C-alpha atoms as a PDB file:
ATOM      1  CA  MET A   1     121.317 133.605 129.939  1.00  0.00           C
ATOM      2  CA  LYS A   2     123.042 131.057 127.693  1.00  0.00           C
ATOM      3  CA  LEU A   3     119.776 129.121 127.323  1.00  0.00           C
ATOM      4  CA  ASN A   4     117.888 132.255 126.228  1.00  0.00           C
ATOM      5  CA  SER A   5     120.618 133.092 123.688  1.00  0.00           C
ATOM      6  CA  LEU A   6     120.521 129.557 122.327  1.00  0.00           C
ATOM      7  CA  LEU A   7     116.740 129.679 121.997  1.00  0.00           C
ATOM      8  CA  LEU A   8     116.907 133.064 120.245  1.00  0.00           C
ATOM      9  CA  LEU A   9     119.624 131.824 117.868  1.00  0.00           C
ATOM     10  CA  THR A  10     117.586 128.688 117.070  1.00  0.00           C
ATOM     11  CA  ALA A  11     114.499 130.812 116.403  1.00  0.00           C
ATOM     12  CA  LEU A  12     116.447 133.138 114.115  1.00  0.00           C
ATOM     13  CA  LEU A  13     118.000 130.271 112.159  1.00  0.00           C
ATOM     14  CA  THR A  14     114.654 128.536 111.769  1.00  0.00           C
ATOM     15  CA  THR A  15     112.936 131.756 110.661  1.00  0.00           C
ATOM     16  CA  SER A  16     115.776 132.648 108.277  1.00  0.00           C
ATOM     17  CA  SER A  17     115.684 129.178 106.750  1.00  0.00           C
ATOM     18  CA  ALA A  18     111.953 129.397 106.243  1.00  0.00           C
ATOM     19  CA  ILE A  19     112.312 132.824 104.630  1.00  0.00           C
ATOM     20  CA  ALA A  20     115.187 131.640 102.430  1.00  0.00           C
ATOM     21  CA  ILE A  21     113.229 128.603 101.333  1.00  0.00           C
ATOM     22  CA  SER A  22     110.112 130.591 100.520  1.00  0.00           C
ATOM     23  CA  THR A  23     112.043 133.178  98.488  1.00  0.00           C
ATOM     24  CA  GLN A  24     113.872 130.665  96.281  1.00  0.00           C
ATOM     25  CA  PRO A  25     112.800 130.661  92.629  1.00  0.00           C
ATOM     26  CA  SER A  26     110.283 127.936  91.873  1.00  0.00           C
ATOM     27  CA  ILE A  27     111.365 124.969  89.790  1.00  0.00           C
ATOM     28  CA  SER A  28     108.951 123.522  87.309  1.00  0.00           C
ATOM     29  CA  ILE A  29     108.079 120.024  88.464  1.00  0.00           C
ATOM     30  CA  SER A  30     107.120 119.025  84.924  1.00  0.00           C
ATOM     31  CA  ARG A  31     110.652 119.865  83.733  1.00  0.00           C
ATOM     32  CA  LEU A  32     112.162 117.663  86.437  1.00  0.00           C
ATOM     33  CA  VAL A  33     109.818 114.785  85.662  1.00  0.00           C
ATOM     34  CA  LYS A  34     110.526 114.968  81.932  1.00  0.00           C
ATOM     35  CA  ALA A  35     114.271 114.983  82.538  1.00  0.00           C
ATOM     36  CA  SER A  36     114.313 111.757  84.547  1.00  0.00           C
ATOM     37  CA  SER A  37     111.033 110.000  83.887  1.00  0.00           C
ATOM     38  CA  TYR A  38     110.371 106.585  82.503  1.00  0.00           C
ATOM     39  CA  GLN A  39     108.277 106.114  79.388  1.00  0.00           C
ATOM     40  CA  PRO A  40     106.304 103.016  78.396  1.00  0.00           C
ATOM     41  CA  PHE A  41     107.760 100.748  75.760  1.00  0.00           C
ATOM     42  CA  PRO A  42     106.094 100.974  72.352  1.00  0.00           C
ATOM     43  CA  THR A  43     102.818  99.045  72.378  1.00  0.00           C
ATOM     44  CA  ASN A  44     104.167  96.189  70.236  1.00  0.00           C
ATOM     45  CA  ILE A  45     107.011  95.564  72.702  1.00  0.00           C
ATOM     46  CA  CYS A  46     104.599  95.521  75.668  1.00  0.00           C
ATOM     47  CA  GLU A  47     102.394  93.067  73.774  1.00  0.00           C
ATOM     48  CA  THR A  48     105.371  90.836  72.934  1.00  0.00           C
ATOM     49  CA  LEU A  49     106.502  90.786  76.577  1.00  0.00           C
ATOM     50  CA  ARG A  50     102.948  89.969  77.677  1.00  0.00           C
ATOM     51  CA  ASP A  51     102.620  87.191  75.102  1.00  0.00           C
ATOM     52  CA  ASP A  52     106.014  85.707  76.036  1.00  0.00           C
ATOM     53  CA  ALA A  53     105.118  85.748  79.745  1.00  0.00           C
ATOM     54  CA  ALA A  54     101.721  84.167  79.047  1.00  0.00           C
ATOM     55  CA  LYS A  55     103.307  81.405  76.984  1.00  0.00           C
ATOM     56  CA  ALA A  56     106.002  80.703  79.600  1.00  0.00           C
ATOM     57  CA  LEU A  57     103.445  80.311  82.386  1.00  0.00           C
ATOM     58  CA  ASN A  58     100.546  78.975  80.322  1.00  0.00           C
ATOM     59  CA  THR A  59      98.241  81.683  81.625  1.00  0.00           C
ATOM     60  CA  THR A  60      96.673  84.991  80.589  1.00  0.00           C
ATOM     61  CA  PHE A  61      98.098  88.411  81.441  1.00  0.00           C
ATOM     62  CA  SER A  62      96.210  91.687  81.340  1.00  0.00           C
ATOM     63  CA  LEU A  63      98.095  94.626  79.837  1.00  0.00           C
ATOM     64  CA  LYS A  64      97.688  98.343  80.495  1.00  0.00           C
ATOM     65  CA  LYS A  65      99.707 101.524  80.782  1.00  0.00           C
ATOM     66  CA  THR A  66     100.211 102.561  84.392  1.00  0.00           C
ATOM     67  CA  SER A  67     102.470 104.655  86.547  1.00  0.00           C
ATOM     68  CA  PHE A  68     105.973 103.233  86.962  1.00  0.00           C
ATOM     69  CA  ALA A  69     108.500 103.762  89.754  1.00  0.00           C
ATOM     70  CA  ASP A  70     112.065 102.511  89.903  1.00  0.00           C
ATOM     71  CA  PRO A  71     112.491 101.406  93.542  1.00  0.00           C
ATOM     72  CA  ILE A  72     116.272 101.865  93.393  1.00  0.00           C
ATOM     73  CA  SER A  73     116.711 105.249  91.688  1.00  0.00           C
ATOM     74  CA  GLY A  74     113.336 106.690  92.685  1.00  0.00           C
ATOM     75  CA  ASP A  75     112.733 107.791  89.084  1.00  0.00           C
ATOM     76  CA  LYS A  76     109.101 107.683  88.023  1.00  0.00           C
ATOM     77  CA  GLY A  77     107.039 107.861  84.903  1.00  0.00           C
ATOM     78  CA  MET A  78     104.745 105.635  82.908  1.00  0.00           C
ATOM     79  CA  GLY A  79     105.167 102.012  81.880  1.00  0.00           C
ATOM     80  CA  CYS A  80     103.268  98.967  80.791  1.00  0.00           C
ATOM     81  CA  THR A  81     101.988  96.608  83.454  1.00  0.00           C
ATOM     82  CA  MET A  82     101.083  92.972  82.918  1.00  0.00           C
ATOM     83  CA  ILE A  83      99.184  91.085  85.614  1.00  0.00           C
ATOM     84  CA  ALA A  84      98.203  87.440  85.931  1.00  0.00           C
ATOM     85  CA  THR A  85      96.503  85.636  88.787  1.00  0.00           C
ATOM     86  CA  GLY A  86      96.080  82.010  89.709  1.00  0.00           C
ATOM     87  CA  THR A  87      96.555  79.536  92.512  1.00  0.00           C
ATOM     88  CA  GLY A  88      99.303  77.267  93.738  1.00  0.00           C
ATOM     89  CA  ALA A  89      97.641  74.520  91.691  1.00  0.00           C
ATOM     90  CA  LYS A  90      98.949  76.338  88.593  1.00  0.00           C
ATOM     91  CA  PHE A  91     102.138  77.911  89.992  1.00  0.00           C
ATOM     92  CA  ALA A  92     104.624  75.781  91.961  1.00  0.00           C
ATOM     93  CA  SER A  93     106.367  78.600  93.840  1.00  0.00           C
ATOM     94  CA  PRO A  94     107.328  82.250  93.450  1.00  0.00           C
ATOM     95  CA  THR A  95     110.892  81.174  92.584  1.00  0.00           C
ATOM     96  CA  ASP A  96     109.657  78.789  89.889  1.00  0.00           C
ATOM     97  CA  VAL A  97     107.524  81.530  88.304  1.00  0.00           C
ATOM     98  CA  VAL A  98     110.350  84.100  88.402  1.00  0.00           C
ATOM     99  CA  ASP A  99     112.812  81.595  86.902  1.00  0.00           C
ATOM    100  CA  LYS A 100     110.443  80.803  84.032  1.00  0.00           C
ATOM    101  CA  LEU A 101     109.883  84.480  83.289  1.00  0.00           C
ATOM    102  CA  LYS A 102     113.587  85.279  83.566  1.00  0.00           C
ATOM    103  CA  SER A 103     114.464  82.596  81.012  1.00  0.00           C
ATOM    104  CA  THR A 104     111.671  83.806  78.720  1.00  0.00           C
ATOM    105  CA  PHE A 105     112.842  87.405  78.530  1.00  0.00           C
ATOM    106  CA  ILE A 106     115.810  86.708  76.263  1.00  0.00           C
ATOM    107  CA  GLY A 107     118.427  89.443  76.139  1.00  0.00           C
ATOM    108  CA  TRP A 108     117.423  90.876  79.507  1.00  0.00           C
ATOM    109  CA  ASN A 109     119.988  90.793  82.325  1.00  0.00           C
ATOM    110  CA  GLU A 110     119.160  90.421  85.981  1.00  0.00           C
ATOM    111  CA  ASP A 111     120.245  93.346  88.167  1.00  0.00           C
ATOM    112  CA  SER A 112     120.881  92.058  91.696  1.00  0.00           C
ATOM    113  CA  ARG A 113     119.989  95.439  93.239  1.00  0.00           C
ATOM    114  CA  TYR A 114     116.314  94.634  92.616  1.00  0.00           C
ATOM    115  CA  GLN A 115     116.265  91.195  94.271  1.00  0.00           C
ATOM    116  CA  ALA A 116     113.705  90.552  96.972  1.00  0.00           C
ATOM    117  CA  ASP A 117     112.777  87.168  98.400  1.00  0.00           C
ATOM    118  CA  GLY A 118     110.538  85.855 101.145  1.00  0.00           C
ATOM    119  CA  PRO A 119     108.281  82.937 102.040  1.00  0.00           C
ATOM    120  CA  THR A 120     105.328  84.279 100.025  1.00  0.00           C
ATOM    121  CA  GLY A 121     107.004  86.198  97.237  1.00  0.00           C
ATOM    122  CA  LYS A 122     109.959  87.005  95.055  1.00  0.00           C
ATOM    123  CA  GLY A 123     110.933  90.006  92.976  1.00  0.00           C
ATOM    124  CA  ILE A 124     113.677  90.771  90.476  1.00  0.00           C
ATOM    125  CA  GLY A 125     114.675  93.517  88.082  1.00  0.00           C
ATOM    126  CA  LEU A 126     115.878  92.918  84.547  1.00  0.00           C
ATOM    127  CA  THR A 127     117.636  95.487  82.367  1.00  0.00           C
ATOM    128  CA  ARG A 128     118.246  95.786  78.651  1.00  0.00           C
ATOM    129  CA  ASP A 129     119.609  98.934  77.008  1.00  0.00           C
ATOM    130  CA  SER A 130     117.529 101.746  78.573  1.00  0.00           C
ATOM    131  CA  GLY A 131     114.724  99.384  79.621  1.00  0.00           C
ATOM    132  CA  LEU A 132     113.798  98.063  83.045  1.00  0.00           C
ATOM    133  CA  LEU A 133     111.472  95.149  83.813  1.00  0.00           C
ATOM    134  CA  LEU A 134     110.287  94.623  87.379  1.00  0.00           C
ATOM    135  CA  VAL A 135     108.979  91.110  88.019  1.00  0.00           C
ATOM    136  CA  ASN A 136     107.055  90.507  91.232  1.00  0.00           C
ATOM    137  CA  VAL A 137     105.420  87.223  92.223  1.00  0.00           C
ATOM    138  CA  GLU A 138     103.438  87.023  95.442  1.00  0.00           C
ATOM    139  CA  TRP A 139     100.878  84.739  96.967  1.00  0.00           C
ATOM    140  CA  GLU A 140      98.588  85.020  99.957  1.00  0.00           C
ATOM    141  CA  PRO A 141      96.329  82.525 101.690  1.00  0.00           C
ATOM    142  CA  ALA A 142      92.769  82.336 100.413  1.00  0.00           C
ATOM    143  CA  PRO A 143      90.220  83.969 102.725  1.00  0.00           C
ATOM    144  CA  SER A 144      88.802  80.514 103.431  1.00  0.00           C
ATOM    145  CA  ALA A 145      92.178  79.234 104.716  1.00  0.00           C
ATOM    146  CA  LYS A 146      92.455  79.078 108.464  1.00  0.00           C
ATOM    147  CA  CYS A 147      95.958  80.440 109.008  1.00  0.00           C
ATOM    148  CA  PRO A 148      96.677  81.671 112.527  1.00  0.00           C
ATOM    149  CA  ALA A 149      97.712  85.339 112.487  1.00  0.00           C
ATOM    150  CA  ASP A 150     100.261  84.797 115.263  1.00  0.00           C
ATOM    151  CA  ARG A 151     102.172  82.009 113.481  1.00  0.00           C
ATOM    152  CA  PRO A 152     104.574  82.008 110.513  1.00  0.00           C
ATOM    153  CA  ILE A 153     102.976  81.297 107.136  1.00  0.00           C
ATOM    154  CA  SER A 154     105.020  78.093 106.929  1.00  0.00           C
ATOM    155  CA  ASP A 155     102.974  76.745 109.865  1.00  0.00           C
ATOM    156  CA  CYS A 156      99.792  77.056 107.828  1.00  0.00           C
ATOM    157  CA  ASN A 157      99.113  73.781 106.052  1.00  0.00           C
ATOM    158  CA  LEU A 158      97.675  75.152 102.803  1.00  0.00           C
ATOM    159  CA  LYS A 159      96.434  73.215  99.833  1.00  0.00           C
ATOM    160  CA  PRO A 160      97.810  74.530  96.511  1.00  0.00           C
ATOM    161  CA  GLN A 161      94.412  75.975  95.554  1.00  0.00           C
ATOM    162  CA  GLU A 162      94.463  78.001  98.786  1.00  0.00           C
ATOM    163  CA  GLN A 163      97.558  79.937  97.643  1.00  0.00           C
ATOM    164  CA  LEU A 164      96.347  82.939  95.646  1.00  0.00           C
ATOM    165  CA  TYR A 165      99.085  84.196  93.306  1.00  0.00           C
ATOM    166  CA  THR A 166      99.486  87.619  91.722  1.00  0.00           C
ATOM    167  CA  ILE A 167     102.201  87.944  89.096  1.00  0.00           C
ATOM    168  CA  THR A 168     103.120  91.463  88.028  1.00  0.00           C
ATOM    169  CA  VAL A 169     105.564  92.464  85.300  1.00  0.00           C
ATOM    170  CA  GLN A 170     106.154  96.182  84.837  1.00  0.00           C
ATOM    171  CA  GLY A 171     108.290  97.585  82.056  1.00  0.00           C
ATOM    172  CA  ALA A 172     109.486 101.030  81.062  1.00  0.00           C
ATOM    173  CA  MET A 173     112.421 102.773  79.413  1.00  0.00           C
ATOM    174  CA  LYS A 174     114.288 106.021  79.853  1.00  0.00           C
END
């Protein structure tokens, strides 16, 4: 008898919750997004950041407006994204690339909540006023490299040109 009562109570609570949820007034998603969303920097600031990054690394970055997501707060919106590619012949290590970019973005402060580090990549977040820059540097072995899938990447004896780098800098402001 107790089991039947418990099952009935569970069914009633579940049904009531579903009814309560479906009868709640709807909230405009666009209002929520506007209240907490990121916006891209003005074009001239995106271009300056791209040019500074390109000069620091002696490479070319593409620049476009893309979606932006803050991995810590979960806030989303639009931002400017700069991407460069190259090999280990041009870039010594993810840490070296991040350090060069960090020293290039004068006036920006590193926020340790955004730090990520591993054998094939590094990421940081930099803040300034209401702006956020996310810097991500990753490499992967070239398809022609013969790295065993069951071994750590450090066991793969890669030549620098077999390390394919992608450097991404995303920026936005609230």
